[in-house]
Protein backbone atom coordinates (compact mmCIF):
# COMPACT_ATOMS: atom_id res chain seq x y z
CA UNK A 1 -0.09 0.13 -0.29
CA UNK A 2 2.63 2.65 0.41
CA UNK A 3 4.55 1.37 -2.12
CA UNK A 4 1.43 2.25 -4.12
CA UNK A 5 1.02 5.79 -2.97
CA UNK A 6 4.72 6.50 -3.33
CA UNK A 7 4.62 5.84 -7.25
CA UNK A 8 0.96 8.21 -7.45
CA UNK A 9 3.34 10.97 -5.43
CA UNK A 10 5.88 10.13 -7.54
CA UNK A 11 2.92 10.32 -10.90
CA UNK A 12 1.58 13.32 -10.09
CA UNK A 13 4.28 15.67 -9.29
CA UNK A 14 4.87 14.92 -12.95
CA UNK A 15 1.08 16.77 -13.72
CA UNK A 16 -0.07 18.33 -10.91
CA UNK A 17 1.23 21.05 -8.29
CA UNK A 18 1.18 19.29 -4.94
CA UNK A 19 4.02 19.93 -3.67
CA UNK A 20 1.76 23.11 -2.09
CA UNK A 21 0.32 19.97 0.94
CA UNK A 22 3.85 18.79 1.58
CA UNK A 23 5.30 21.84 2.04
CA UNK A 24 5.27 24.92 4.59
CA UNK A 25 3.11 27.83 4.56
CA UNK A 26 6.53 29.88 3.42
CA UNK A 27 9.59 27.86 2.25
CA UNK A 28 13.06 27.99 0.48
CA UNK A 29 13.32 27.15 -2.73
CA UNK A 30 16.14 24.67 -1.51
CA UNK A 31 13.15 23.26 0.39
CA UNK A 32 11.13 22.88 -2.96
CA UNK A 33 13.73 21.27 -4.94
CA UNK A 34 15.11 18.75 -1.92
CA UNK A 35 11.13 18.08 -1.12
CA UNK A 36 11.41 16.94 -5.29
CA UNK A 37 14.38 15.63 -5.08
CA UNK A 38 13.47 13.58 -2.14
CA UNK A 39 10.38 12.51 -3.60
CA UNK A 40 10.98 11.66 -7.36
CA UNK A 41 14.99 9.61 -6.01
CA UNK A 42 16.65 11.50 -8.31
CA UNK A 43 18.95 14.67 -8.33
CA UNK A 44 17.69 17.76 -10.25
CA UNK A 45 19.59 19.94 -12.65
CA UNK A 46 19.48 22.96 -10.73
CA UNK A 47 19.07 25.48 -13.04
CA UNK A 48 16.25 23.88 -15.46
CA UNK A 49 13.79 23.27 -12.49
CA UNK A 50 14.32 26.76 -10.55
CA UNK A 51 13.89 27.83 -14.72
CA UNK A 52 10.95 25.93 -15.45
CA UNK A 53 9.40 26.75 -12.24
CA UNK A 54 9.75 29.84 -11.64
CA UNK A 55 8.65 30.10 -15.30
CA UNK A 56 5.87 28.06 -14.18
CA UNK A 57 3.88 30.92 -12.24
CA UNK A 58 3.15 28.98 -9.43
CA UNK A 59 5.46 30.52 -6.59
CA UNK A 60 5.69 34.02 -5.37
CA UNK A 61 8.40 35.86 -4.08
CA UNK A 62 8.39 37.36 -0.22
CA UNK A 63 9.76 40.57 0.68
CA UNK A 64 11.20 38.84 3.85
CA UNK A 65 14.69 36.25 2.88
CA UNK A 66 15.50 34.40 5.92
CA UNK A 67 17.96 34.51 7.87
CA UNK A 68 21.29 32.16 9.13
CA UNK A 69 25.04 31.06 9.09
CA UNK A 70 24.96 31.01 5.59
CA UNK A 71 23.28 34.07 2.38
CA UNK A 72 20.12 34.55 3.29
CA UNK A 73 18.03 32.93 1.28
CA UNK A 74 14.88 34.07 -0.89
CA UNK A 75 11.68 32.38 0.73
CA UNK A 76 8.46 31.99 -1.39
CA UNK A 77 5.20 30.63 -1.15
CA UNK A 78 2.44 29.71 -3.59
CA UNK A 79 0.68 31.78 -5.62
CA UNK A 80 -2.29 29.17 -5.24
CA UNK A 81 -2.97 26.88 -2.45
CA UNK A 82 -5.70 24.90 -4.86
CA UNK A 83 -4.74 22.06 -7.16
CA UNK A 84 -3.76 21.92 -10.59
CA UNK A 85 -2.93 20.46 -13.36
CA UNK A 86 0.33 21.74 -14.48
CA UNK A 87 3.03 20.33 -17.29
CA UNK A 88 5.82 20.11 -14.30
CA UNK A 89 8.66 17.32 -14.91
């Protein structure tokens, strides 16, 4: 049953914006990329992934940054937290 759930999740990442259910309301791009890589079970081409995701207009960059020991990270949120059919990966 768990294997079936993972297969369905992998499949849905390819044609929906289901990731909005799996992340907090605000997140960094690295968190989004890590989510996709973990579910798909493979590393992603970072530049291509960023270009495609931002080009779809699914995310809105917030005016605040997450601060830490490293360079401040931009925070994002999903433009719509509703299910959508899209061409993802």
